């Protein structure tokens, strides 16, 4: 524990300070024993810059919402490498600055955050999109695949070539399930559609993301979707006169001549809820995976470029998802080889969807072996 006072004055004043220090320690101890945090400072680790217009920007908007709603102090670090040692270094620096809540916003931060959570039991950790938890570390994410399904409907109605392109970051379940849901949505309105996948193996690289999209367009795709952190694929679509579906935030302004809609995040309410729980002592480590019913995910308003009949179909599907009538991953579902993976009448569990490692029928792409 850091010293509260520096003993640099006379003995009588020193004694007074020592007594005051003891009182503060007793108060802190009482708060710790009750689980309450009367004063909270939240540190955010970002994988990209806050100006990426996508994933990091969406989290930073959540941070600003948290500050506004709870009047808590926050700090952040941009472009943190997904490296255990680097994450540990950033976390230690934040704790040194007084942070007692740490939020890591990328999958690759998990190992470093878990290590730090073990070292600092008095600090609460929230990690986005991972799976490891501890007594003082929670996991959180949203069912953005629900919105990808809706995006697929728009794309499936729009395409003239019946070829859609999808720029994917990494071949992990988080991205695979979005590609699958997008494909299922597209095929629900256009059974002849196929979705070509191009991997970039990076979360944030605007130029690489744009090149991946251009390659898909050269391959016949006339609608580009993405699971990437920037608007690079949107801009590629616009440059080639085709259409696009955004991700993370409403990307209509970044490609006004191409974008039809986007799957968007709303992290603010989740951050407020968790920090409130930390402050009042009711925080419990959990794995949270909320959907459209929780408001953590949504679809951006359709632009004038979307097909005329898309709005009604999207609104109907959204209501069915919200009510539970449409669970998306409902059999019969075949994989790329035509093998039935989900029998008719069966529904994949959340755990199966979370860990999915295969492409549905209609996806033209491969999942590299680990």
Protein backbone atom coordinates (compact mmCIF):
# COMPACT_ATOMS: atom_id res chain seq x y z
CA UNK A 1 0.00 0.00 0.00
CA UNK A 2 1.27 3.46 -0.85
CA UNK A 3 2.23 5.70 2.10
CA UNK A 4 -0.35 8.36 2.71
CA UNK A 5 2.01 10.79 4.38
CA UNK A 6 5.64 11.80 4.23
CA UNK A 7 7.14 12.37 7.67
CA UNK A 8 9.04 15.59 7.23
CA UNK A 9 7.84 17.77 10.11
CA UNK A 10 8.21 18.00 13.85
CA UNK A 11 7.41 15.14 16.19
CA UNK A 12 4.05 16.52 17.33
CA UNK A 13 2.87 17.08 13.77
CA UNK A 14 4.27 13.67 12.82
CA UNK A 15 2.22 12.01 15.53
CA UNK A 16 -0.87 13.79 14.32
CA UNK A 17 -0.26 12.64 10.77
CA UNK A 18 0.32 9.05 11.89
CA UNK A 19 -2.96 9.07 13.77
CA UNK A 20 -4.74 10.52 10.74
CA UNK A 21 -3.12 7.90 8.55
CA UNK A 22 -4.33 5.11 10.83
CA UNK A 23 -7.86 6.47 10.65
CA UNK A 24 -7.72 6.52 6.83
CA UNK A 25 -6.39 2.96 6.76
CA UNK A 26 -9.12 1.80 9.10
CA UNK A 27 -11.71 3.44 6.85
CA UNK A 28 -10.21 1.84 3.73
CA UNK A 29 -10.14 -1.51 5.52
CA UNK A 30 -13.80 -1.16 6.43
CA UNK A 31 -14.67 -0.41 2.80
CA UNK A 32 -12.60 -3.37 1.60
CA UNK A 33 -14.26 -5.74 4.04
CA UNK A 34 -17.69 -4.60 2.93
CA UNK A 35 -16.68 -4.81 -0.73
CA UNK A 36 -17.60 -1.18 -1.35
CA UNK A 37 -15.43 1.26 -3.26
CA UNK A 38 -16.29 4.80 -2.21
CA UNK A 39 -13.96 6.25 -4.84
CA UNK A 40 -13.47 4.65 -8.24
CA UNK A 41 -10.95 5.37 -10.96
CA UNK A 42 -11.29 3.30 -14.13
CA UNK A 43 -8.45 2.50 -16.52
CA UNK A 44 -9.23 1.43 -20.11
CA UNK A 45 -6.84 -0.52 -22.35
CA UNK A 46 -7.54 -0.09 -26.08
CA UNK A 47 -6.14 -2.20 -28.92
CA UNK A 48 -6.32 0.70 -31.38
CA UNK A 49 -6.60 4.49 -31.39
CA UNK A 50 -9.84 6.11 -30.21
CA UNK A 51 -10.14 7.73 -33.62
CA UNK A 52 -10.42 4.40 -35.48
CA UNK A 53 -14.12 5.05 -36.12
CA UNK A 54 -14.87 1.48 -35.09
CA UNK A 55 -14.30 -0.87 -32.17
CA UNK A 56 -12.02 1.28 -30.01
CA UNK A 57 -14.11 4.35 -30.74
CA UNK A 58 -17.23 2.50 -29.57
CA UNK A 59 -15.57 1.58 -26.27
CA UNK A 60 -14.33 5.12 -25.79
CA UNK A 61 -17.87 6.40 -26.25
CA UNK A 62 -18.84 3.97 -23.48
CA UNK A 63 -16.07 5.41 -21.28
CA UNK A 64 -17.32 8.95 -21.84
CA UNK A 65 -20.87 7.82 -21.05
CA UNK A 66 -19.60 6.29 -17.81
CA UNK A 67 -17.90 9.54 -16.82
CA UNK A 68 -21.05 11.52 -17.55
CA UNK A 69 -23.45 9.20 -15.73
CA UNK A 70 -21.43 8.40 -12.59
CA UNK A 71 -18.99 11.33 -12.48
CA UNK A 72 -16.08 8.91 -12.02
CA UNK A 73 -12.53 9.54 -13.16
CA UNK A 74 -11.19 7.49 -16.06
CA UNK A 75 -7.87 7.09 -17.84
CA UNK A 76 -7.01 5.19 -21.00
CA UNK A 77 -4.15 3.86 -23.08
CA UNK A 78 -4.45 3.54 -26.85
CA UNK A 79 -2.87 0.99 -29.20
CA UNK A 80 -1.85 -1.51 -26.52
CA UNK A 81 -0.23 -4.60 -28.04
CA UNK A 82 -1.89 -7.96 -27.47
CA UNK A 83 1.15 -9.12 -25.53
CA UNK A 84 1.13 -10.36 -21.93
CA UNK A 85 4.14 -8.33 -20.80
CA UNK A 86 2.86 -5.17 -22.48
CA UNK A 87 -0.60 -5.54 -20.93
CA UNK A 88 0.91 -6.13 -17.48
CA UNK A 89 3.09 -3.03 -17.85
CA UNK A 90 0.14 -0.82 -18.80
CA UNK A 91 -2.03 -2.19 -15.98
CA UNK A 92 0.71 -1.65 -13.40
CA UNK A 93 1.09 1.93 -14.57
CA UNK A 94 -2.64 2.53 -14.29
CA UNK A 95 -2.80 1.06 -10.79
CA UNK A 96 0.14 3.27 -9.83
CA UNK A 97 -1.98 6.20 -11.02
CA UNK A 98 -4.76 5.13 -8.68
CA UNK A 99 -6.96 3.01 -10.92
CA UNK A 100 -8.91 0.40 -8.98
CA UNK A 101 -11.01 -0.81 -11.93
CA UNK A 102 -9.35 -2.01 -15.14
CA UNK A 103 -11.19 -2.57 -18.43
CA UNK A 104 -9.43 -4.50 -21.20
CA UNK A 105 -11.23 -4.19 -24.52
CA UNK A 106 -9.58 -6.80 -26.75
CA UNK A 107 -9.49 -10.60 -26.83
CA UNK A 108 -5.68 -10.74 -26.77
CA UNK A 109 -5.44 -8.85 -23.47
CA UNK A 110 -6.80 -11.83 -21.53
CA UNK A 111 -3.56 -13.46 -20.37
CA UNK A 112 -2.06 -10.22 -19.10
CA UNK A 113 -5.24 -9.12 -17.36
CA UNK A 114 -5.69 -12.46 -15.64
CA UNK A 115 -2.12 -12.32 -14.36
CA UNK A 116 -2.66 -8.81 -13.00
CA UNK A 117 -5.98 -9.79 -11.42
CA UNK A 118 -4.15 -12.46 -9.44
CA UNK A 119 -1.58 -9.91 -8.23
CA UNK A 120 -4.11 -7.21 -7.31
CA UNK A 121 -7.07 -8.75 -5.53
CA UNK A 122 -8.31 -5.32 -4.46
CA UNK A 123 -8.69 -4.23 -8.10
CA UNK A 124 -11.66 -5.23 -10.25
CA UNK A 125 -11.08 -6.30 -13.86
CA UNK A 126 -13.52 -6.37 -16.78
CA UNK A 127 -12.35 -8.10 -19.98
CA UNK A 128 -14.13 -7.90 -23.31
CA UNK A 129 -14.66 -11.01 -25.48
CA UNK A 130 -12.59 -13.54 -23.55
CA UNK A 131 -13.47 -16.60 -21.48
CA UNK A 132 -11.21 -16.67 -18.39
CA UNK A 133 -12.57 -15.36 -15.09
CA UNK A 134 -11.34 -15.08 -11.51
CA UNK A 135 -12.79 -13.81 -8.25
CA UNK A 136 -12.11 -10.20 -9.26
CA UNK A 137 -12.24 -10.50 -13.06
CA UNK A 138 -15.37 -10.69 -15.23
CA UNK A 139 -15.85 -11.33 -18.92
CA UNK A 140 -18.31 -9.40 -21.07
CA UNK A 141 -19.42 -9.32 -24.67
CA UNK A 142 -22.58 -8.89 -26.72
CA UNK A 143 -24.48 -11.03 -29.18
CA UNK A 144 -23.48 -8.89 -32.11
CA UNK A 145 -24.14 -11.90 -34.36
CA UNK A 146 -27.84 -11.09 -33.90
CA UNK A 147 -27.22 -7.83 -35.72
CA UNK A 148 -24.98 -9.53 -38.28
CA UNK A 149 -27.97 -11.72 -39.16
CA UNK A 150 -30.00 -8.57 -39.83
CA UNK A 151 -27.11 -7.13 -41.85
CA UNK A 152 -27.16 -10.32 -43.90
CA UNK A 153 -30.81 -9.74 -44.77
CA UNK A 154 -29.96 -6.31 -46.17
CA UNK A 155 -26.99 -7.66 -48.12
CA UNK A 156 -28.89 -10.67 -49.44
CA UNK A 157 -31.64 -8.44 -50.80
CA UNK A 158 -29.18 -5.97 -52.36
CA UNK A 159 -26.73 -8.20 -54.21
CA UNK A 160 -27.00 -8.61 -57.97
CA UNK A 161 -24.08 -11.04 -58.31
CA UNK A 162 -25.21 -13.24 -55.41
CA UNK A 163 -21.67 -12.88 -54.07
CA UNK A 164 -21.06 -11.09 -50.80
CA UNK A 165 -17.63 -10.33 -49.38
CA UNK A 166 -16.65 -10.52 -45.72
CA UNK A 167 -13.38 -9.12 -44.36
CA UNK A 168 -12.52 -11.05 -41.19
CA UNK A 169 -9.88 -10.15 -38.61
CA UNK A 170 -8.86 -13.50 -37.08
CA UNK A 171 -10.25 -17.04 -37.56
CA UNK A 172 -11.57 -17.30 -34.00
CA UNK A 173 -15.11 -18.16 -32.84
CA UNK A 174 -15.96 -14.47 -32.22
CA UNK A 175 -15.49 -13.73 -35.92
CA UNK A 176 -16.64 -17.10 -37.29
CA UNK A 177 -20.06 -16.85 -35.64
CA UNK A 178 -20.55 -13.37 -37.12
CA UNK A 179 -19.72 -14.64 -40.60
CA UNK A 180 -22.09 -17.58 -40.09
CA UNK A 181 -24.93 -15.41 -38.77
CA UNK A 182 -24.44 -12.94 -41.63
CA UNK A 183 -24.63 -15.82 -44.10
CA UNK A 184 -27.75 -17.29 -42.49
CA UNK A 185 -29.43 -13.89 -42.63
CA UNK A 186 -28.54 -13.42 -46.28
CA UNK A 187 -29.71 -16.91 -47.21
CA UNK A 188 -33.02 -16.39 -45.39
CA UNK A 189 -33.99 -13.95 -48.15
CA UNK A 190 -31.75 -15.16 -50.97
CA UNK A 191 -30.99 -18.92 -50.98
CA UNK A 192 -28.59 -18.52 -53.91
CA UNK A 193 -26.18 -16.20 -52.15
CA UNK A 194 -22.62 -17.09 -51.16
CA UNK A 195 -20.27 -15.24 -48.79
CA UNK A 196 -16.57 -15.09 -49.69
CA UNK A 197 -14.20 -14.58 -46.74
CA UNK A 198 -10.81 -12.88 -46.71
CA UNK A 199 -8.75 -12.92 -43.49
CA UNK A 200 -6.41 -10.09 -42.51
CA UNK A 201 -5.04 -11.51 -39.22
CA UNK A 202 -5.16 -8.07 -37.63
CA UNK A 203 -7.75 -6.11 -35.70
CA UNK A 204 -6.46 -2.73 -36.75
CA UNK A 205 -4.77 -2.06 -40.07
CA UNK A 206 -6.82 0.25 -42.33
CA UNK A 207 -4.69 -0.36 -45.41
CA UNK A 208 -4.67 -4.13 -45.03
CA UNK A 209 -8.42 -4.21 -44.39
CA UNK A 210 -9.03 -2.10 -47.48
CA UNK A 211 -6.84 -4.36 -49.64
CA UNK A 212 -8.70 -7.44 -48.37
CA UNK A 213 -12.00 -5.86 -49.40
CA UNK A 214 -10.66 -4.87 -52.82
CA UNK A 215 -9.62 -8.47 -53.44
CA UNK A 216 -13.15 -9.64 -52.61
CA UNK A 217 -14.62 -7.06 -54.97
CA UNK A 218 -12.26 -8.24 -57.71
CA UNK A 219 -13.64 -11.72 -57.00
CA UNK A 220 -17.20 -10.62 -57.79
CA UNK A 221 -18.54 -9.39 -54.45
CA UNK A 222 -20.90 -6.42 -54.81
CA UNK A 223 -21.59 -6.02 -51.07
CA UNK A 224 -18.77 -5.91 -48.50
CA UNK A 225 -19.26 -6.71 -44.80
CA UNK A 226 -16.64 -6.84 -42.10
CA UNK A 227 -15.49 -7.84 -38.63
CA UNK A 228 -12.66 -5.30 -38.41
CA UNK A 229 -11.95 -2.26 -36.29
CA UNK A 230 -11.78 0.41 -38.99
CA UNK A 231 -13.81 1.66 -41.93
CA UNK A 232 -11.18 0.53 -44.45
CA UNK A 233 -13.49 -2.07 -46.06
CA UNK A 234 -16.27 0.53 -46.32
CA UNK A 235 -13.99 2.93 -48.15
CA UNK A 236 -12.82 0.16 -50.46
CA UNK A 237 -16.44 -0.59 -51.39
CA UNK A 238 -17.14 3.07 -52.08
CA UNK A 239 -14.04 3.42 -54.23
CA UNK A 240 -15.25 0.56 -56.44
CA UNK A 241 -18.89 1.60 -56.68
CA UNK A 242 -20.28 -1.35 -54.70
CA UNK A 243 -22.13 -1.43 -51.39
CA UNK A 244 -21.16 -2.11 -47.79
CA UNK A 245 -22.24 -3.13 -44.29
CA UNK A 246 -20.38 -1.56 -41.37
CA UNK A 247 -19.37 -2.90 -37.98
CA UNK A 248 -18.87 -1.53 -34.43
CA UNK A 249 -20.34 1.92 -35.11
CA UNK A 250 -22.63 3.57 -37.63
CA UNK A 251 -20.21 3.85 -40.57
CA UNK A 252 -22.58 5.63 -42.95
CA UNK A 253 -20.59 8.88 -42.77
CA UNK A 254 -17.30 7.19 -43.62
CA UNK A 255 -18.67 5.76 -46.88
CA UNK A 256 -21.90 7.63 -47.70
CA UNK A 257 -22.04 6.30 -51.26
CA UNK A 258 -21.66 2.66 -50.20
CA UNK A 259 -22.86 2.01 -46.63
CA UNK A 260 -26.37 0.60 -46.16
CA UNK A 261 -26.30 -0.05 -42.39
CA UNK A 262 -24.00 -1.31 -39.62
CA UNK A 263 -23.98 -3.63 -36.63
CA UNK A 264 -23.26 -1.34 -33.67
CA UNK A 265 -22.15 -1.57 -30.04
CA UNK A 266 -23.51 0.36 -27.05
CA UNK A 267 -21.08 -0.30 -24.17
CA UNK A 268 -22.02 2.63 -21.92
CA UNK A 269 -24.94 1.13 -19.96
CA UNK A 270 -22.91 -2.02 -19.22
CA UNK A 271 -20.00 0.01 -17.87
CA UNK A 272 -22.33 2.07 -15.69
CA UNK A 273 -23.99 -1.04 -14.27
CA UNK A 274 -20.70 -2.74 -13.44
CA UNK A 275 -19.07 0.31 -11.88
CA UNK A 276 -22.19 0.97 -9.80
CA UNK A 277 -21.96 -2.61 -8.53
CA UNK A 278 -18.29 -2.09 -7.65
CA UNK A 279 -19.10 1.11 -5.81
CA UNK A 280 -21.95 -0.37 -3.75
CA UNK A 281 -20.20 -3.67 -3.05
CA UNK A 282 -22.52 -5.91 -5.07
CA UNK A 283 -20.00 -6.76 -7.82
CA UNK A 284 -19.71 -10.46 -8.65
CA UNK A 285 -17.45 -12.02 -11.23
CA UNK A 286 -19.48 -13.25 -14.19
CA UNK A 287 -19.55 -14.08 -17.87
CA UNK A 288 -21.93 -11.64 -19.49
CA UNK A 289 -23.20 -12.08 -23.04
CA UNK A 290 -26.08 -9.73 -23.71
CA UNK A 291 -28.13 -9.27 -26.84
CA UNK A 292 -30.44 -6.79 -28.50
CA UNK A 293 -32.90 -7.11 -25.61
CA UNK A 294 -30.24 -5.63 -23.30
CA UNK A 295 -29.48 -2.79 -25.69
CA UNK A 296 -25.76 -3.61 -25.85
CA UNK A 297 -26.04 -4.33 -29.60
CA UNK A 298 -28.19 -2.78 -32.31
CA UNK A 299 -28.43 -2.12 -36.01
CA UNK A 300 -27.80 1.36 -37.39
CA UNK A 301 -30.62 3.04 -39.34
CA UNK A 302 -30.80 1.82 -42.91
CA UNK A 303 -29.57 4.40 -45.41
CA UNK A 304 -31.25 5.29 -48.69
CA UNK A 305 -28.94 2.80 -50.41
CA UNK A 306 -30.60 -0.19 -48.72
CA UNK A 307 -33.21 -2.12 -50.74
CA UNK A 308 -36.73 -0.72 -50.48
CA UNK A 309 -38.14 -3.89 -48.92
CA UNK A 310 -35.28 -4.33 -46.43
CA UNK A 311 -36.65 -2.12 -43.64
CA UNK A 312 -39.81 -4.16 -43.01
CA UNK A 313 -37.96 -7.47 -43.19
CA UNK A 314 -35.22 -6.25 -40.81
CA UNK A 315 -37.69 -4.84 -38.30
CA UNK A 316 -39.70 -8.06 -38.30
CA UNK A 317 -36.59 -10.20 -37.86
CA UNK A 318 -35.30 -7.91 -35.10
CA UNK A 319 -38.55 -8.25 -33.15
CA UNK A 320 -38.46 -12.03 -33.58
CA UNK A 321 -34.89 -12.13 -32.26
CA UNK A 322 -35.80 -9.91 -29.34
CA UNK A 323 -38.79 -12.07 -28.43
CA UNK A 324 -36.85 -15.30 -28.82
CA UNK A 325 -38.93 -16.49 -31.76
CA UNK A 326 -35.89 -16.35 -34.05
CA UNK A 327 -32.83 -17.88 -32.38
CA UNK A 328 -30.84 -17.75 -35.64
CA UNK A 329 -28.82 -20.95 -35.18
CA UNK A 330 -31.77 -23.30 -35.56
CA UNK A 331 -31.62 -26.56 -37.54
CA UNK A 332 -31.44 -27.85 -40.06
CA UNK A 333 -28.03 -26.22 -40.58
CA UNK A 334 -25.36 -27.76 -42.78
CA UNK A 335 -21.68 -26.95 -42.90
CA UNK A 336 -19.71 -26.15 -46.05
CA UNK A 337 -19.36 -29.84 -46.90
CA UNK A 338 -23.10 -30.40 -46.71
CA UNK A 339 -22.92 -32.28 -43.42
CA UNK A 340 -25.84 -31.61 -41.10
CA UNK A 341 -24.40 -29.93 -38.00
CA UNK A 342 -27.69 -28.94 -36.40
CA UNK A 343 -30.62 -31.30 -36.81
CA UNK A 344 -34.06 -30.03 -37.76
CA UNK A 345 -35.90 -28.69 -34.71
CA UNK A 346 -32.69 -28.35 -32.70
CA UNK A 347 -31.23 -25.03 -31.54
CA UNK A 348 -27.57 -24.46 -30.80
CA UNK A 349 -26.86 -23.56 -27.19
CA UNK A 350 -25.13 -20.33 -26.24
CA UNK A 351 -22.03 -22.33 -25.41
CA UNK A 352 -22.02 -23.99 -28.84
CA UNK A 353 -22.50 -20.65 -30.59
CA UNK A 354 -19.79 -19.03 -28.46
CA UNK A 355 -17.27 -21.73 -29.41
CA UNK A 356 -18.32 -22.32 -33.02
CA UNK A 357 -15.38 -23.27 -35.25
CA UNK A 358 -17.05 -24.20 -38.53
CA UNK A 359 -18.63 -22.35 -41.44
CA UNK A 360 -22.24 -22.81 -42.44
CA UNK A 361 -23.26 -23.82 -45.93
CA UNK A 362 -22.95 -20.83 -48.23
CA UNK A 363 -19.61 -19.56 -46.90
CA UNK A 364 -16.76 -19.62 -49.41
CA UNK A 365 -13.65 -19.57 -47.26
CA UNK A 366 -11.41 -21.64 -45.02
CA UNK A 367 -10.61 -21.67 -41.31
CA UNK A 368 -6.85 -22.17 -41.00
CA UNK A 369 -5.74 -24.98 -38.73
CA UNK A 370 -4.27 -23.81 -35.44
